[in-house]
Amino acid sequence: MKAIHWITAAAALACTEPVQAAVSDPEVIIYRFPGVKDDGGAAAVGVATAFICTNFSGVTESIRLVTRQANGVLLTNVPFNIAHLDTHTFTTHVTSPFSQFILNTGIVIQGTTAIAATSINIICTAMVIDAANPKPTGVALRGIRFSPVPGSQE
């Protein structure tokens, strides 16, 4: 009799689908990018930082970018929704090459941005760029990955 119960339980578990995260799930920090810079220039002028993220979780997720000065002073804390397989670009101010979502951080000197999301199945890169040049030129920032996707390497 116990064998039948165990077989039934195993069959029930085998037929369930994996649980997917969504916008209502708790956020976890997935990245921290040190070296964030913005000279406070006007639209498409000066230096800005761009963050580019893609969601491959299978559902719409919430993503949050929190930017701080080098001394820890909070500048912005902004949430966004990102659909499955969408790529969003977030910039510290309006730039010529990228300007999908603007963080409006103001001046940032040696700052840091933490990126949190409702799923670890989001990848991000960042770069400090010349905001005036329509061709993205600048310096890539090395992000520190938290909560990596199992079996992945960044």
N, C-alpha and C. Protein backbone atom coordinates (compact mmCIF):
# COMPACT_ATOMS: atom_id res chain seq x y z
N MET A 1 0.82 -1.20 0.00
CA MET A 1 0.00 0.00 0.00
C MET A 1 0.86 1.26 0.00
N LYS A 2 1.96 1.23 0.81
CA LYS A 2 2.83 2.40 0.83
C LYS A 2 3.46 2.63 -0.53
N ALA A 3 3.75 1.57 -1.24
CA ALA A 3 4.35 1.71 -2.57
C ALA A 3 3.43 2.46 -3.51
N ILE A 4 2.13 2.19 -3.42
CA ILE A 4 1.16 2.87 -4.28
C ILE A 4 1.13 4.37 -3.95
N HIS A 5 1.17 4.71 -2.66
CA HIS A 5 1.17 6.12 -2.25
C HIS A 5 2.43 6.83 -2.77
N TRP A 6 3.57 6.16 -2.67
CA TRP A 6 4.83 6.76 -3.14
C TRP A 6 4.80 6.95 -4.66
N ILE A 7 4.28 5.99 -5.37
CA ILE A 7 4.20 6.08 -6.84
C ILE A 7 3.25 7.21 -7.23
N THR A 8 2.13 7.32 -6.54
CA THR A 8 1.17 8.40 -6.81
C THR A 8 1.80 9.76 -6.54
N ALA A 9 2.52 9.89 -5.44
CA ALA A 9 3.18 11.16 -5.11
C ALA A 9 4.24 11.50 -6.14
N ALA A 10 5.02 10.53 -6.57
CA ALA A 10 6.06 10.77 -7.58
C ALA A 10 5.44 11.18 -8.90
N ALA A 11 4.34 10.55 -9.28
CA ALA A 11 3.67 10.91 -10.53
C ALA A 11 3.11 12.33 -10.47
N ALA A 12 2.57 12.71 -9.34
CA ALA A 12 2.03 14.07 -9.18
C ALA A 12 3.14 15.10 -9.30
N LEU A 13 4.29 14.83 -8.69
CA LEU A 13 5.41 15.77 -8.79
C LEU A 13 5.96 15.84 -10.20
N ALA A 14 5.98 14.74 -10.91
CA ALA A 14 6.52 14.70 -12.27
C ALA A 14 5.65 15.49 -13.24
N CYS A 15 4.37 15.62 -12.95
CA CYS A 15 3.46 16.30 -13.86
C CYS A 15 3.33 17.80 -13.61
N THR A 16 3.94 18.30 -12.55
CA THR A 16 3.82 19.73 -12.26
C THR A 16 4.79 20.52 -13.11
N GLU A 17 4.41 21.74 -13.46
CA GLU A 17 5.27 22.62 -14.23
C GLU A 17 6.13 23.45 -13.29
N PRO A 18 7.33 23.88 -13.74
CA PRO A 18 8.16 24.71 -12.87
C PRO A 18 7.48 26.04 -12.58
N VAL A 19 7.68 26.54 -11.39
CA VAL A 19 7.11 27.82 -11.00
C VAL A 19 7.96 28.92 -11.61
N GLN A 20 7.31 29.92 -12.21
CA GLN A 20 8.03 31.03 -12.80
C GLN A 20 7.79 32.28 -11.98
N ALA A 21 8.80 33.10 -11.91
CA ALA A 21 8.69 34.36 -11.18
C ALA A 21 7.82 35.33 -11.97
N ALA A 22 7.40 36.39 -11.32
CA ALA A 22 6.60 37.41 -11.97
C ALA A 22 6.75 38.72 -11.21
N VAL A 23 6.11 39.77 -11.71
CA VAL A 23 6.28 41.10 -11.13
C VAL A 23 5.89 41.19 -9.66
N SER A 24 5.05 40.29 -9.17
CA SER A 24 4.63 40.35 -7.77
C SER A 24 5.56 39.60 -6.83
N ASP A 25 6.56 38.90 -7.36
CA ASP A 25 7.49 38.15 -6.52
C ASP A 25 8.48 39.09 -5.84
N PRO A 26 9.13 38.64 -4.77
CA PRO A 26 10.11 39.50 -4.09
C PRO A 26 11.34 39.76 -4.97
N GLU A 27 11.91 40.94 -4.81
CA GLU A 27 13.11 41.30 -5.58
C GLU A 27 14.35 40.73 -4.91
N VAL A 28 15.32 40.36 -5.74
CA VAL A 28 16.65 39.96 -5.26
C VAL A 28 17.67 40.79 -6.03
N ILE A 29 18.76 41.14 -5.38
CA ILE A 29 19.81 41.88 -6.08
C ILE A 29 20.50 40.93 -7.04
N ILE A 30 20.60 41.35 -8.31
CA ILE A 30 21.27 40.51 -9.29
C ILE A 30 22.61 41.10 -9.75
N TYR A 31 22.78 42.42 -9.65
CA TYR A 31 24.04 43.06 -10.06
C TYR A 31 24.34 44.27 -9.18
N ARG A 32 25.63 44.58 -9.12
CA ARG A 32 26.09 45.87 -8.62
C ARG A 32 27.18 46.34 -9.57
N PHE A 33 27.02 47.57 -10.09
CA PHE A 33 27.99 48.15 -11.01
C PHE A 33 28.68 49.34 -10.35
N PRO A 34 29.95 49.21 -9.97
CA PRO A 34 30.70 50.37 -9.48
C PRO A 34 31.25 51.17 -10.66
N GLY A 35 31.57 52.43 -10.44
CA GLY A 35 32.15 53.28 -11.48
C GLY A 35 31.13 54.07 -12.27
N VAL A 36 29.92 54.19 -11.76
CA VAL A 36 28.87 54.95 -12.46
C VAL A 36 29.25 56.42 -12.48
N LYS A 37 29.09 57.05 -13.66
CA LYS A 37 29.47 58.45 -13.83
C LYS A 37 28.42 59.18 -14.64
N ASP A 38 28.13 60.39 -14.24
CA ASP A 38 27.29 61.31 -15.00
C ASP A 38 27.76 62.71 -14.64
N ASP A 39 28.06 63.50 -15.66
CA ASP A 39 28.57 64.86 -15.39
C ASP A 39 27.45 65.89 -15.24
N GLY A 40 26.21 65.44 -15.27
CA GLY A 40 25.09 66.36 -15.09
C GLY A 40 24.76 67.16 -16.34
N GLY A 41 25.30 66.75 -17.48
CA GLY A 41 25.07 67.47 -18.72
C GLY A 41 23.62 67.44 -19.17
N ALA A 42 23.34 68.35 -20.10
CA ALA A 42 22.00 68.42 -20.69
C ALA A 42 21.79 67.19 -21.58
N ALA A 43 20.60 67.08 -22.16
CA ALA A 43 20.28 65.95 -23.03
C ALA A 43 21.31 65.83 -24.15
N ALA A 44 21.82 64.62 -24.35
CA ALA A 44 22.77 64.30 -25.42
C ALA A 44 24.05 65.12 -25.34
N VAL A 45 24.48 65.46 -24.13
CA VAL A 45 25.71 66.21 -23.91
C VAL A 45 26.45 65.56 -22.75
N GLY A 46 27.78 65.56 -22.82
CA GLY A 46 28.60 65.13 -21.68
C GLY A 46 28.75 63.63 -21.57
N VAL A 47 28.86 63.18 -20.32
CA VAL A 47 29.10 61.78 -20.01
C VAL A 47 27.92 61.22 -19.23
N ALA A 48 27.52 59.99 -19.56
CA ALA A 48 26.43 59.32 -18.86
C ALA A 48 26.76 57.83 -18.74
N THR A 49 25.99 57.13 -17.94
CA THR A 49 26.14 55.68 -17.83
C THR A 49 24.88 55.03 -18.36
N ALA A 50 25.08 53.96 -19.15
CA ALA A 50 23.96 53.19 -19.72
C ALA A 50 23.99 51.78 -19.15
N PHE A 51 22.81 51.28 -18.79
CA PHE A 51 22.63 49.91 -18.32
C PHE A 51 21.70 49.22 -19.31
N ILE A 52 22.10 48.06 -19.81
CA ILE A 52 21.29 47.34 -20.79
C ILE A 52 20.96 45.97 -20.21
N CYS A 53 19.66 45.66 -20.11
CA CYS A 53 19.22 44.42 -19.47
C CYS A 53 18.22 43.67 -20.36
N THR A 54 18.33 42.33 -20.37
CA THR A 54 17.43 41.47 -21.11
C THR A 54 16.82 40.44 -20.16
N ASN A 55 15.51 40.24 -20.29
CA ASN A 55 14.77 39.29 -19.47
C ASN A 55 14.54 38.01 -20.27
N PHE A 56 14.99 36.88 -19.75
CA PHE A 56 14.73 35.59 -20.39
C PHE A 56 14.05 34.61 -19.44
N SER A 57 13.22 35.14 -18.54
CA SER A 57 12.57 34.32 -17.52
C SER A 57 11.32 33.59 -18.02
N GLY A 58 10.72 34.07 -19.09
CA GLY A 58 9.48 33.46 -19.58
C GLY A 58 8.23 34.26 -19.26
N VAL A 59 8.35 35.24 -18.34
CA VAL A 59 7.22 36.09 -17.96
C VAL A 59 7.71 37.52 -17.75
N THR A 60 6.80 38.45 -17.64
CA THR A 60 7.16 39.83 -17.33
C THR A 60 7.69 39.91 -15.90
N GLU A 61 8.79 40.62 -15.73
CA GLU A 61 9.44 40.77 -14.42
C GLU A 61 9.52 42.24 -14.05
N SER A 62 9.76 42.48 -12.77
CA SER A 62 10.03 43.83 -12.29
C SER A 62 11.54 43.95 -12.10
N ILE A 63 12.09 45.08 -12.48
CA ILE A 63 13.51 45.35 -12.32
C ILE A 63 13.64 46.72 -11.66
N ARG A 64 14.61 46.88 -10.76
CA ARG A 64 14.79 48.12 -10.02
C ARG A 64 16.25 48.53 -10.10
N LEU A 65 16.51 49.80 -10.42
CA LEU A 65 17.87 50.34 -10.44
C LEU A 65 18.00 51.37 -9.33
N VAL A 66 18.98 51.15 -8.45
CA VAL A 66 19.22 52.03 -7.31
C VAL A 66 20.63 52.58 -7.44
N THR A 67 20.74 53.90 -7.64
CA THR A 67 22.04 54.54 -7.85
C THR A 67 22.41 55.38 -6.64
N ARG A 68 23.67 55.25 -6.24
CA ARG A 68 24.21 55.99 -5.09
C ARG A 68 25.52 56.67 -5.47
N GLN A 69 25.81 57.77 -4.78
CA GLN A 69 27.12 58.42 -4.91
C GLN A 69 28.18 57.55 -4.26
N ALA A 70 29.45 57.90 -4.45
CA ALA A 70 30.56 57.16 -3.85
C ALA A 70 30.45 57.12 -2.32
N ASN A 71 29.88 58.16 -1.73
CA ASN A 71 29.75 58.20 -0.26
C ASN A 71 28.47 57.52 0.24
N GLY A 72 27.71 56.89 -0.65
CA GLY A 72 26.51 56.15 -0.25
C GLY A 72 25.22 56.93 -0.32
N VAL A 73 25.27 58.22 -0.64
CA VAL A 73 24.05 59.03 -0.72
C VAL A 73 23.17 58.51 -1.86
N LEU A 74 21.90 58.23 -1.54
CA LEU A 74 20.95 57.72 -2.51
C LEU A 74 20.57 58.80 -3.52
N LEU A 75 20.69 58.48 -4.82
CA LEU A 75 20.31 59.42 -5.88
C LEU A 75 18.97 59.04 -6.51
N THR A 76 18.82 57.77 -6.88
CA THR A 76 17.56 57.31 -7.48
C THR A 76 17.28 55.88 -7.06
N ASN A 77 15.99 55.55 -7.06
CA ASN A 77 15.51 54.20 -6.77
C ASN A 77 14.28 54.01 -7.65
N VAL A 78 14.48 53.42 -8.84
CA VAL A 78 13.43 53.43 -9.86
C VAL A 78 13.08 52.01 -10.32
N PRO A 79 11.80 51.61 -10.21
CA PRO A 79 11.37 50.29 -10.71
C PRO A 79 10.82 50.39 -12.13
N PHE A 80 10.95 49.30 -12.88
CA PHE A 80 10.42 49.18 -14.23
C PHE A 80 9.91 47.76 -14.41
N ASN A 81 8.99 47.55 -15.35
CA ASN A 81 8.60 46.21 -15.77
C ASN A 81 9.29 45.89 -17.08
N ILE A 82 9.70 44.63 -17.24
CA ILE A 82 10.38 44.20 -18.46
C ILE A 82 9.79 42.86 -18.89
N ALA A 83 9.25 42.83 -20.10
CA ALA A 83 8.59 41.62 -20.61
C ALA A 83 9.62 40.56 -21.01
N HIS A 84 9.15 39.34 -21.14
CA HIS A 84 10.00 38.22 -21.56
C HIS A 84 10.69 38.53 -22.89
N LEU A 85 11.98 38.32 -22.95
CA LEU A 85 12.86 38.52 -24.10
C LEU A 85 13.00 39.98 -24.53
N ASP A 86 12.45 40.91 -23.76
CA ASP A 86 12.67 42.34 -24.05
C ASP A 86 14.03 42.76 -23.53
N THR A 87 14.62 43.72 -24.21
CA THR A 87 15.85 44.35 -23.77
C THR A 87 15.54 45.81 -23.52
N HIS A 88 15.87 46.29 -22.33
CA HIS A 88 15.66 47.69 -21.98
C HIS A 88 16.99 48.35 -21.70
N THR A 89 17.08 49.62 -22.09
CA THR A 89 18.27 50.41 -21.81
C THR A 89 17.88 51.54 -20.86
N PHE A 90 18.65 51.68 -19.80
CA PHE A 90 18.43 52.70 -18.78
C PHE A 90 19.66 53.59 -18.77
N THR A 91 19.48 54.91 -18.85
CA THR A 91 20.62 55.82 -18.84
C THR A 91 20.47 56.85 -17.73
N THR A 92 21.60 57.35 -17.25
CA THR A 92 21.56 58.32 -16.16
C THR A 92 21.02 59.66 -16.61
N HIS A 93 21.16 60.00 -17.89
CA HIS A 93 20.44 61.13 -18.50
C HIS A 93 20.29 60.84 -19.98
N VAL A 94 19.55 61.64 -20.70
CA VAL A 94 19.29 61.42 -22.12
C VAL A 94 20.61 61.40 -22.89
N THR A 95 20.77 60.37 -23.73
CA THR A 95 21.98 60.23 -24.54
C THR A 95 21.59 60.05 -26.00
N SER A 96 22.56 60.30 -26.91
CA SER A 96 22.29 60.09 -28.33
C SER A 96 22.16 58.61 -28.70
N PRO A 97 23.05 57.72 -28.20
CA PRO A 97 22.91 56.32 -28.63
C PRO A 97 21.80 55.54 -27.92
N PHE A 98 21.55 55.84 -26.66
CA PHE A 98 20.54 55.11 -25.89
C PHE A 98 19.71 56.09 -25.08
N SER A 99 18.41 55.96 -25.13
CA SER A 99 17.56 56.80 -24.28
C SER A 99 16.17 56.22 -24.16
N GLN A 100 16.09 54.94 -23.81
CA GLN A 100 14.79 54.32 -23.67
C GLN A 100 14.14 54.68 -22.34
N PHE A 101 14.88 54.49 -21.25
CA PHE A 101 14.39 54.84 -19.92
C PHE A 101 15.44 55.70 -19.23
N ILE A 102 15.03 56.86 -18.75
CA ILE A 102 15.96 57.82 -18.17
C ILE A 102 15.85 57.78 -16.65
N LEU A 103 17.00 57.62 -15.98
CA LEU A 103 17.03 57.55 -14.52
C LEU A 103 17.08 58.92 -13.86
N ASN A 104 17.54 59.95 -14.59
CA ASN A 104 17.64 61.31 -14.05
C ASN A 104 18.39 61.36 -12.72
N THR A 105 19.59 60.83 -12.70
CA THR A 105 20.38 60.77 -11.47
C THR A 105 20.99 62.11 -11.09
N GLY A 106 21.20 62.99 -12.08
CA GLY A 106 21.99 64.18 -11.82
C GLY A 106 23.45 63.78 -11.83
N ILE A 107 24.30 64.61 -11.23
CA ILE A 107 25.74 64.34 -11.22
C ILE A 107 26.04 63.11 -10.37
N VAL A 108 26.81 62.18 -10.94
CA VAL A 108 27.26 60.98 -10.22
C VAL A 108 28.77 60.90 -10.41
N ILE A 109 29.50 60.85 -9.30
CA ILE A 109 30.96 60.75 -9.36
C ILE A 109 31.36 59.47 -8.63
N GLN A 110 31.93 58.52 -9.36
CA GLN A 110 32.36 57.24 -8.80
C GLN A 110 31.23 56.57 -8.03
N GLY A 111 30.05 56.59 -8.61
CA GLY A 111 28.89 56.02 -7.95
C GLY A 111 28.77 54.53 -8.17
N THR A 112 27.67 53.99 -7.69
CA THR A 112 27.37 52.57 -7.86
C THR A 112 25.87 52.42 -8.12
N THR A 113 25.54 51.45 -8.96
CA THR A 113 24.13 51.14 -9.19
C THR A 113 23.89 49.68 -8.89
N ALA A 114 22.92 49.42 -8.04
CA ALA A 114 22.49 48.05 -7.76
C ALA A 114 21.26 47.78 -8.62
N ILE A 115 21.22 46.60 -9.21
CA ILE A 115 20.06 46.19 -10.01
C ILE A 115 19.43 45.00 -9.32
N ALA A 116 18.16 45.16 -8.96
CA ALA A 116 17.40 44.08 -8.33
C ALA A 116 16.27 43.70 -9.28
N ALA A 117 15.80 42.46 -9.19
CA ALA A 117 14.72 42.01 -10.06
C ALA A 117 13.93 40.91 -9.36
N THR A 118 12.77 40.61 -9.92
CA THR A 118 11.93 39.55 -9.37
C THR A 118 12.33 38.19 -9.92
N SER A 119 13.39 38.14 -10.72
CA SER A 119 13.92 36.87 -11.24
C SER A 119 15.42 37.01 -11.44
N ILE A 120 16.15 35.91 -11.26
CA ILE A 120 17.58 35.92 -11.56
C ILE A 120 17.82 35.73 -13.06
N ASN A 121 16.76 35.45 -13.82
CA ASN A 121 16.89 35.20 -15.26
C ASN A 121 16.88 36.48 -16.08
N ILE A 122 17.68 37.44 -15.63
CA ILE A 122 17.86 38.71 -16.32
C ILE A 122 19.36 38.95 -16.38
N ILE A 123 19.86 39.35 -17.54
CA ILE A 123 21.28 39.67 -17.68
C ILE A 123 21.42 41.15 -17.99
N CYS A 124 22.49 41.76 -17.47
CA CYS A 124 22.71 43.19 -17.65
C CYS A 124 24.17 43.49 -17.94
N THR A 125 24.39 44.55 -18.68
CA THR A 125 25.72 45.11 -18.88
C THR A 125 25.62 46.61 -18.60
N ALA A 126 26.78 47.26 -18.48
CA ALA A 126 26.77 48.70 -18.24
C ALA A 126 28.01 49.32 -18.87
N MET A 127 27.90 50.59 -19.22
CA MET A 127 29.04 51.32 -19.77
C MET A 127 28.88 52.81 -19.52
N VAL A 128 30.02 53.46 -19.31
CA VAL A 128 30.06 54.92 -19.24
C VAL A 128 30.30 55.38 -20.67
N ILE A 129 29.44 56.28 -21.17
CA ILE A 129 29.50 56.65 -22.58
C ILE A 129 29.55 58.16 -22.80
N ASP A 130 29.98 58.53 -23.99
CA ASP A 130 29.88 59.90 -24.47
C ASP A 130 28.43 60.11 -24.89
N ALA A 131 27.70 60.91 -24.14
CA ALA A 131 26.27 61.08 -24.37
C ALA A 131 25.95 61.76 -25.70
N ALA A 132 26.91 62.48 -26.28
CA ALA A 132 26.66 63.20 -27.52
C ALA A 132 26.88 62.36 -28.77
N ASN A 133 27.69 61.33 -28.68
CA ASN A 133 28.05 60.53 -29.85
C ASN A 133 26.97 59.49 -30.14
N PRO A 134 26.34 59.54 -31.34
CA PRO A 134 25.30 58.55 -31.65
C PRO A 134 25.84 57.11 -31.74
N LYS A 135 27.16 56.99 -31.95
CA LYS A 135 27.80 55.66 -31.91
C LYS A 135 28.26 55.46 -30.47
N PRO A 136 27.80 54.40 -29.81
CA PRO A 136 28.14 54.24 -28.39
C PRO A 136 29.63 54.01 -28.16
N THR A 137 30.31 55.06 -27.70
CA THR A 137 31.72 54.95 -27.37
C THR A 137 31.88 55.21 -25.88
N GLY A 138 32.75 54.42 -25.26
CA GLY A 138 32.94 54.62 -23.83
C GLY A 138 33.71 53.49 -23.21
N VAL A 139 33.46 53.27 -21.94
CA VAL A 139 34.18 52.29 -21.14
C VAL A 139 33.17 51.32 -20.53
N ALA A 140 33.39 50.02 -20.74
CA ALA A 140 32.51 49.02 -20.14
C ALA A 140 32.77 48.95 -18.63
N LEU A 141 31.71 48.81 -17.87
CA LEU A 141 31.83 48.64 -16.41
C LEU A 141 31.73 47.16 -16.07
N ARG A 142 32.52 46.74 -15.13
CA ARG A 142 32.51 45.34 -14.69
C ARG A 142 31.46 45.20 -13.60
N GLY A 143 30.39 44.48 -13.91
CA GLY A 143 29.33 44.25 -12.94
C GLY A 143 29.64 43.07 -12.06
N ILE A 144 29.26 43.17 -10.82
CA ILE A 144 29.40 42.06 -9.88
C ILE A 144 28.05 41.35 -9.85
N ARG A 145 28.04 40.07 -10.22
CA ARG A 145 26.79 39.31 -10.30
C ARG A 145 26.48 38.68 -8.95
N PHE A 146 25.25 38.90 -8.48
CA PHE A 146 24.72 38.25 -7.30
C PHE A 146 23.64 37.27 -7.78
N SER A 147 23.36 36.24 -7.05
CA SER A 147 22.30 35.29 -7.40
C SER A 147 22.42 34.83 -8.85
N PRO A 148 23.52 34.17 -9.24
CA PRO A 148 23.68 33.76 -10.63
C PRO A 148 22.69 32.69 -11.04
N VAL A 149 22.45 32.59 -12.34
CA VAL A 149 21.62 31.54 -12.89
C VAL A 149 22.40 30.24 -12.74
N PRO A 150 21.81 29.19 -12.17
CA PRO A 150 22.54 27.94 -12.00
C PRO A 150 23.11 27.42 -13.32
N GLY A 151 24.38 27.04 -13.28
CA GLY A 151 25.05 26.50 -14.47
C GLY A 151 25.58 27.57 -15.41
N SER A 152 25.46 28.84 -15.05
CA SER A 152 25.94 29.90 -15.93
C SER A 152 27.24 30.48 -15.40
N GLN A 153 27.93 31.20 -16.28
CA GLN A 153 29.15 31.88 -15.89
C GLN A 153 29.20 33.21 -16.62
N GLU A 154 29.42 34.30 -15.86
CA GLU A 154 29.51 35.62 -16.49
C GLU A 154 30.89 36.18 -16.30
